[in-house]
Amino acid sequence: MALDPKSLTDAIDTAFGVEWKKVKTNPLPDAGKDDRRLMFAAVARGVLQYLSDHQGEFISGVTLAPSGTTTTTSYDASATQLNITMGD
């Protein structure tokens, strides 16, 4: 699965609606929807670009466990490549 700005924007938009309703106790209004979407898209793009640019700085290892087992194997990561597509 590739990490992409549209999917992250959608997730942020959905999460914002959930959090809004928790705090305000009513659904998120449609007013300002386009401006929120623009802001969420910018945040998503910025986060993914940052992760892409700095992935070698924050991922230092990985631990894998085969499905259905409790056995794990750990590996040091000398280089990483997140599956990020910036697209349009």
Protein backbone atom coordinates (compact mmCIF):
# COMPACT_ATOMS: atom_id res chain seq x y z
CA MET A 1 0.00 0.00 0.00
CA ALA A 2 1.42 3.35 -0.97
CA LEU A 3 1.08 6.36 1.29
CA ASP A 4 -0.44 9.18 -0.74
CA PRO A 5 -1.71 12.71 -0.03
CA LYS A 6 -5.32 12.03 -1.06
CA SER A 7 -5.73 9.06 1.28
CA LEU A 8 -4.12 10.95 4.15
CA THR A 9 -6.28 14.02 3.40
CA ASP A 10 -9.40 11.83 3.50
CA ALA A 11 -8.31 10.31 6.82
CA ILE A 12 -7.63 13.73 8.36
CA ASP A 13 -10.97 15.05 7.10
CA THR A 14 -12.83 12.07 8.59
CA ALA A 15 -10.96 12.29 11.89
CA PHE A 16 -11.67 16.02 12.13
CA GLY A 17 -15.39 15.36 11.74
CA VAL A 18 -15.29 12.73 14.49
CA GLU A 19 -13.36 14.99 16.87
CA TRP A 20 -15.61 17.96 16.08
CA LYS A 21 -18.69 15.96 17.00
CA LYS A 22 -17.11 14.77 20.27
CA VAL A 23 -16.35 18.33 21.36
CA LYS A 24 -19.23 20.27 19.81
CA THR A 25 -21.85 17.47 20.11
CA ASN A 26 -23.24 18.28 16.67
CA PRO A 27 -22.08 17.32 13.16
CA LEU A 28 -19.42 19.31 11.38
CA PRO A 29 -21.13 22.06 9.33
CA ASP A 30 -20.71 22.23 5.56
CA ALA A 31 -19.65 25.89 5.82
CA GLY A 32 -15.90 26.13 5.22
CA LYS A 33 -15.67 22.60 3.82
CA ASP A 34 -13.51 23.63 0.83
CA ASP A 35 -11.13 25.64 3.02
CA ARG A 36 -10.77 22.74 5.49
CA ARG A 37 -10.08 20.35 2.63
CA LEU A 38 -7.39 22.69 1.27
CA MET A 39 -5.74 22.90 4.69
CA PHE A 40 -5.92 19.13 5.26
CA ALA A 41 -4.45 18.46 1.81
CA ALA A 42 -1.55 20.81 2.56
CA VAL A 43 -0.93 19.14 5.92
CA ALA A 44 -1.07 15.67 4.36
CA ARG A 45 1.34 16.63 1.59
CA GLY A 46 3.71 18.28 4.07
CA VAL A 47 3.70 15.29 6.44
CA LEU A 48 4.34 12.80 3.64
CA GLN A 49 7.09 14.94 2.13
CA TYR A 50 8.73 15.27 5.55
CA LEU A 51 8.55 11.52 6.14
CA SER A 52 9.97 10.85 2.69
CA ASP A 53 12.82 13.34 3.16
CA HIS A 54 13.73 12.11 6.67
CA GLN A 55 12.87 8.42 6.71
CA GLY A 56 16.48 7.38 7.23
CA GLU A 57 16.59 9.47 10.40
CA PHE A 58 13.70 7.91 12.28
CA ILE A 59 13.52 4.28 11.15
CA SER A 60 16.49 2.44 12.60
CA GLY A 61 15.18 -1.09 12.65
CA VAL A 62 12.27 -3.41 12.08
CA THR A 63 10.91 -6.41 13.95
CA LEU A 64 8.99 -9.00 11.94
CA ALA A 65 6.70 -11.76 13.19
CA PRO A 66 5.31 -14.35 10.77
CA SER A 67 1.52 -14.52 10.80
CA GLY A 68 0.19 -16.90 13.44
CA THR A 69 3.44 -17.11 15.42
CA THR A 70 4.98 -15.40 18.41
CA THR A 71 8.51 -15.71 17.04
CA THR A 72 10.05 -12.41 16.01
CA THR A 73 13.18 -11.46 14.14
CA SER A 74 14.72 -8.00 14.44
CA TYR A 75 16.82 -6.26 11.83
CA ASP A 76 18.84 -3.05 11.91
CA ALA A 77 17.93 -0.75 9.04
CA SER A 78 20.84 0.92 7.31
CA ALA A 79 18.53 2.34 4.64
CA THR A 80 14.77 2.59 4.29
CA GLN A 81 12.34 3.44 1.56
CA LEU A 82 8.76 4.18 2.52
CA ASN A 83 6.21 3.60 -0.21
CA ILE A 84 5.11 7.24 -0.62
CA THR A 85 3.59 8.55 -3.82
CA MET A 86 3.17 12.30 -3.93
CA GLY A 87 1.02 12.35 -7.09
CA ASP A 88 -1.32 15.26 -7.77
